[in-house]
PDB file of N, CA and C in Angstrom:
ATOM      1  N   UNK A   1     215.197 123.938 102.702  1.00  0.00           N
ATOM      2  CA  UNK A   1     214.245 123.443 101.994  1.00  0.00           C
ATOM      3  C   UNK A   1     214.657 123.027 100.785  1.00  0.00           C
ATOM      4  N   UNK A   2     213.757 122.356  99.989  1.00  0.00           N
ATOM      5  CA  UNK A   2     213.819 121.728  98.332  1.00  0.00           C
ATOM      6  C   UNK A   2     213.063 122.604  97.568  1.00  0.00           C
ATOM      7  N   UNK A   3     213.999 122.830  96.475  1.00  0.00           N
ATOM      8  CA  UNK A   3     213.081 123.475  95.152  1.00  0.00           C
ATOM      9  C   UNK A   3     213.159 122.472  94.184  1.00  0.00           C
ATOM     10  N   UNK A   4     211.988 122.894  93.907  1.00  0.00           N
ATOM     11  CA  UNK A   4     211.661 121.814  92.040  1.00  0.00           C
ATOM     12  C   UNK A   4     211.026 122.219  90.974  1.00  0.00           C
ATOM     13  N   UNK A   5     211.822 122.141  90.373  1.00  0.00           N
ATOM     14  CA  UNK A   5     211.439 123.361  88.723  1.00  0.00           C
ATOM     15  C   UNK A   5     210.585 121.978  87.820  1.00  0.00           C
ATOM     16  N   UNK A   6     209.155 123.035  87.549  1.00  0.00           N
ATOM     17  CA  UNK A   6     208.679 121.680  87.031  1.00  0.00           C
ATOM     18  C   UNK A   6     208.689 122.069  84.802  1.00  0.00           C
ATOM     19  N   UNK A   7     207.935 120.899  84.788  1.00  0.00           N
ATOM     20  CA  UNK A   7     208.184 121.637  83.017  1.00  0.00           C
ATOM     21  C   UNK A   7     208.234 122.382  82.462  1.00  0.00           C
ATOM     22  N   UNK A   8     207.501 123.279  83.239  1.00  0.00           N
ATOM     23  CA  UNK A   8     206.733 123.917  82.547  1.00  0.00           C
ATOM     24  C   UNK A   8     207.417 125.923  82.924  1.00  0.00           C
ATOM     25  N   UNK A   9     208.493 125.520  84.120  1.00  0.00           N
ATOM     26  CA  UNK A   9     209.128 126.786  84.453  1.00  0.00           C
ATOM     27  C   UNK A   9     208.906 126.710  85.774  1.00  0.00           C
ATOM     28  N   UNK A  10     207.740 126.903  86.196  1.00  0.00           N
ATOM     29  CA  UNK A  10     207.063 126.861  87.491  1.00  0.00           C
ATOM     30  C   UNK A  10     208.125 126.044  89.039  1.00  0.00           C
ATOM     31  N   UNK A  11     207.951 126.759  90.149  1.00  0.00           N
ATOM     32  CA  UNK A  11     209.053 126.446  91.231  1.00  0.00           C
ATOM     33  C   UNK A  11     208.117 125.952  91.910  1.00  0.00           C
ATOM     34  N   UNK A  12     208.430 124.583  92.992  1.00  0.00           N
ATOM     35  CA  UNK A  12     207.334 124.646  94.335  1.00  0.00           C
ATOM     36  C   UNK A  12     208.692 124.155  94.592  1.00  0.00           C
ATOM     37  N   UNK A  13     208.235 124.487  96.402  1.00  0.00           N
ATOM     38  CA  UNK A  13     209.156 124.652  97.617  1.00  0.00           C
ATOM     39  C   UNK A  13     208.703 123.863  98.808  1.00  0.00           C
ATOM     40  N   UNK A  14     209.676 122.870  98.952  1.00  0.00           N
ATOM     41  CA  UNK A  14     209.175 122.041 100.257  1.00  0.00           C
ATOM     42  C   UNK A  14     210.069 122.074 101.005  1.00  0.00           C
ATOM     43  N   UNK A  15     209.582 121.937 102.545  1.00  0.00           N
ATOM     44  CA  UNK A  15     210.584 121.470 103.504  1.00  0.00           C
ATOM     45  C   UNK A  15     211.615 120.625 104.254  1.00  0.00           C
ATOM     46  N   UNK A  16     211.120 119.807 103.401  1.00  0.00           N
ATOM     47  CA  UNK A  16     212.033 118.416 103.605  1.00  0.00           C
ATOM     48  C   UNK A  16     212.044 118.200 102.400  1.00  0.00           C
ATOM     49  N   UNK A  17     212.936 116.666 102.409  1.00  0.00           N
ATOM     50  CA  UNK A  17     213.382 115.345 101.777  1.00  0.00           C
ATOM     51  C   UNK A  17     211.225 115.104 101.419  1.00  0.00           C
ATOM     52  N   UNK A  18     210.902 114.870  99.544  1.00  0.00           N
ATOM     53  CA  UNK A  18     209.910 114.870  99.480  1.00  0.00           C
ATOM     54  C   UNK A  18     209.754 113.520  98.437  1.00  0.00           C
ATOM     55  N   UNK A  19     208.808 113.147  98.139  1.00  0.00           N
ATOM     56  CA  UNK A  19     208.380 112.116  97.110  1.00  0.00           C
ATOM     57  C   UNK A  19     208.237 112.480  95.564  1.00  0.00           C
ATOM     58  N   UNK A  20     208.410 112.228  95.000  1.00  0.00           N
ATOM     59  CA  UNK A  20     207.689 111.786  93.386  1.00  0.00           C
ATOM     60  C   UNK A  20     205.967 112.435  93.849  1.00  0.00           C
ATOM     61  N   UNK A  21     205.291 111.440  94.699  1.00  0.00           N
ATOM     62  CA  UNK A  21     204.169 111.229  94.825  1.00  0.00           C
ATOM     63  C   UNK A  21     203.691 112.421  95.027  1.00  0.00           C
ATOM     64  N   UNK A  22     204.401 112.857  96.199  1.00  0.00           N
ATOM     65  CA  UNK A  22     203.883 114.344  97.155  1.00  0.00           C
ATOM     66  C   UNK A  22     204.122 115.273  95.656  1.00  0.00           C
ATOM     67  N   UNK A  23     204.816 115.214  95.448  1.00  0.00           N
ATOM     68  CA  UNK A  23     204.933 116.938  94.600  1.00  0.00           C
ATOM     69  C   UNK A  23     204.055 116.524  93.377  1.00  0.00           C
ATOM     70  N   UNK A  24     203.389 115.346  92.836  1.00  0.00           N
ATOM     71  CA  UNK A  24     202.448 115.097  92.327  1.00  0.00           C
ATOM     72  C   UNK A  24     200.984 115.561  92.914  1.00  0.00           C
ATOM     73  N   UNK A  25     200.932 115.332  93.773  1.00  0.00           N
ATOM     74  CA  UNK A  25     199.437 115.327  94.795  1.00  0.00           C
ATOM     75  C   UNK A  25     199.370 117.089  95.395  1.00  0.00           C
ATOM     76  N   UNK A  26     200.838 117.765  95.401  1.00  0.00           N
ATOM     77  CA  UNK A  26     200.692 119.257  95.387  1.00  0.00           C
ATOM     78  C   UNK A  26     200.511 120.104  94.121  1.00  0.00           C
ATOM     79  N   UNK A  27     199.818 119.082  93.327  1.00  0.00           N
ATOM     80  CA  UNK A  27     199.808 119.674  91.763  1.00  0.00           C
ATOM     81  C   UNK A  27     198.975 119.875  92.033  1.00  0.00           C
ATOM     82  N   UNK A  28     198.012 118.159  92.200  1.00  0.00           N
ATOM     83  CA  UNK A  28     196.900 118.118  91.999  1.00  0.00           C
ATOM     84  C   UNK A  28     196.163 116.946  92.328  1.00  0.00           C
ATOM     85  N   UNK A  29     195.094 116.697  93.217  1.00  0.00           N
ATOM     86  CA  UNK A  29     194.579 115.433  92.948  1.00  0.00           C
ATOM     87  C   UNK A  29     194.250 114.129  92.132  1.00  0.00           C
ATOM     88  N   UNK A  30     194.023 114.597  90.934  1.00  0.00           N
ATOM     89  CA  UNK A  30     194.087 113.795  89.891  1.00  0.00           C
ATOM     90  C   UNK A  30     195.620 113.644  89.315  1.00  0.00           C
ATOM     91  N   UNK A  31     196.583 114.404  89.012  1.00  0.00           N
ATOM     92  CA  UNK A  31     197.728 113.867  88.887  1.00  0.00           C
ATOM     93  C   UNK A  31     198.458 112.569  90.049  1.00  0.00           C
ATOM     94  N   UNK A  32     198.222 113.217  91.180  1.00  0.00           N
ATOM     95  CA  UNK A  32     198.697 112.157  92.316  1.00  0.00           C
ATOM     96  C   UNK A  32     198.161 110.713  91.878  1.00  0.00           C
ATOM     97  N   UNK A  33     197.017 110.812  91.438  1.00  0.00           N
ATOM     98  CA  UNK A  33     196.055 109.331  91.171  1.00  0.00           C
ATOM     99  C   UNK A  33     196.847 108.762  89.819  1.00  0.00           C
ATOM    100  N   UNK A  34     197.031 109.300  89.285  1.00  0.00           N
ATOM    101  CA  UNK A  34     197.508 109.155  88.125  1.00  0.00           C
ATOM    102  C   UNK A  34     198.827 108.701  87.457  1.00  0.00           C
ATOM    103  N   UNK A  35     199.147 109.648  88.207  1.00  0.00           N
ATOM    104  CA  UNK A  35     201.211 109.781  88.301  1.00  0.00           C
ATOM    105  C   UNK A  35     201.533 108.422  88.424  1.00  0.00           C
ATOM    106  N   UNK A  36     203.006 107.740  87.820  1.00  0.00           N
ATOM    107  CA  UNK A  36     203.136 106.443  87.988  1.00  0.00           C
ATOM    108  C   UNK A  36     204.766 106.887  87.912  1.00  0.00           C
ATOM    109  N   UNK A  37     205.233 107.793  88.090  1.00  0.00           N
ATOM    110  CA  UNK A  37     206.740 107.527  87.565  1.00  0.00           C
ATOM    111  C   UNK A  37     206.852 109.589  87.149  1.00  0.00           C
ATOM    112  N   UNK A  38     208.036 109.949  87.619  1.00  0.00           N
ATOM    113  CA  UNK A  38     208.336 111.249  87.167  1.00  0.00           C
ATOM    114  C   UNK A  38     209.551 111.224  87.459  1.00  0.00           C
ATOM    115  N   UNK A  39     209.864 111.946  86.108  1.00  0.00           N
ATOM    116  CA  UNK A  39     211.697 112.287  85.742  1.00  0.00           C
ATOM    117  C   UNK A  39     212.136 113.301  86.806  1.00  0.00           C
ATOM    118  N   UNK A  40     213.949 113.367  87.332  1.00  0.00           N
ATOM    119  CA  UNK A  40     214.592 113.154  88.158  1.00  0.00           C
ATOM    120  C   UNK A  40     216.004 114.095  86.796  1.00  0.00           C
ATOM    121  N   UNK A  41     216.402 114.718  87.095  1.00  0.00           N
ATOM    122  CA  UNK A  41     217.379 115.551  86.691  1.00  0.00           C
ATOM    123  C   UNK A  41     217.169 116.572  85.786  1.00  0.00           C
ATOM    124  N   UNK A  42     217.727 116.600  84.548  1.00  0.00           N
ATOM    125  CA  UNK A  42     218.209 117.567  83.286  1.00  0.00           C
ATOM    126  C   UNK A  42     219.005 117.110  82.720  1.00  0.00           C
ATOM    127  N   UNK A  43     217.899 117.159  81.413  1.00  0.00           N
ATOM    128  CA  UNK A  43     218.949 116.854  79.845  1.00  0.00           C
ATOM    129  C   UNK A  43     219.072 115.141  80.006  1.00  0.00           C
ATOM    130  N   UNK A  44     221.130 114.877  79.573  1.00  0.00           N
ATOM    131  CA  UNK A  44     221.345 113.582  79.624  1.00  0.00           C
ATOM    132  C   UNK A  44     221.458 112.798  80.791  1.00  0.00           C
ATOM    133  N   UNK A  45     221.192 113.447  81.625  1.00  0.00           N
ATOM    134  CA  UNK A  45     221.439 112.702  82.715  1.00  0.00           C
ATOM    135  C   UNK A  45     220.186 113.188  83.873  1.00  0.00           C
ATOM    136  N   UNK A  46     218.791 113.024  83.271  1.00  0.00           N
ATOM    137  CA  UNK A  46     218.045 113.006  83.288  1.00  0.00           C
ATOM    138  C   UNK A  46     217.604 111.285  83.760  1.00  0.00           C
ATOM    139  N   UNK A  47     216.650 110.879  84.305  1.00  0.00           N
ATOM    140  CA  UNK A  47     216.144 109.807  84.784  1.00  0.00           C
ATOM    141  C   UNK A  47     215.189 109.413  85.114  1.00  0.00           C
ATOM    142  N   UNK A  48     214.039 108.073  84.721  1.00  0.00           N
ATOM    143  CA  UNK A  48     212.823 108.409  85.562  1.00  0.00           C
ATOM    144  C   UNK A  48     213.131 107.607  86.745  1.00  0.00           C
ATOM    145  N   UNK A  49     212.084 107.328  88.040  1.00  0.00           N
ATOM    146  CA  UNK A  49     212.414 107.255  88.902  1.00  0.00           C
ATOM    147  C   UNK A  49     210.427 106.624  89.328  1.00  0.00           C
ATOM    148  N   UNK A  50     210.147 105.989  90.282  1.00  0.00           N
ATOM    149  CA  UNK A  50     209.062 105.513  90.132  1.00  0.00           C
ATOM    150  C   UNK A  50     208.081 106.313  91.615  1.00  0.00           C
ATOM    151  N   UNK A  51     206.889 106.448  91.438  1.00  0.00           N
ATOM    152  CA  UNK A  51     206.798 107.349  92.620  1.00  0.00           C
ATOM    153  C   UNK A  51     207.108 108.012  94.304  1.00  0.00           C
ATOM    154  N   UNK A  52     207.490 106.246  94.855  1.00  0.00           N
ATOM    155  CA  UNK A  52     208.097 106.829  95.790  1.00  0.00           C
ATOM    156  C   UNK A  52     209.478 107.060  95.905  1.00  0.00           C
ATOM    157  N   UNK A  53     210.290 107.400  95.426  1.00  0.00           N
ATOM    158  CA  UNK A  53     211.498 107.998  95.076  1.00  0.00           C
ATOM    159  C   UNK A  53     211.703 109.181  96.006  1.00  0.00           C
ATOM    160  N   UNK A  54     212.755 109.528  96.918  1.00  0.00           N
ATOM    161  CA  UNK A  54     212.880 110.994  97.500  1.00  0.00           C
ATOM    162  C   UNK A  54     213.657 111.186  97.104  1.00  0.00           C
TER     163      UNK A  54
END
């Protein structure tokens, strides 16, 4: 089980590996269409990745 915490503090859980695009789609169709990248990690270790990143 994968648990992802969003910037607003809410959490999404997925049964297995998930791409940034799939996370965006779970939030909304508009975001899935507009998303170009996602931030992975926290603080200084955070990095930007494209939507195909799993």
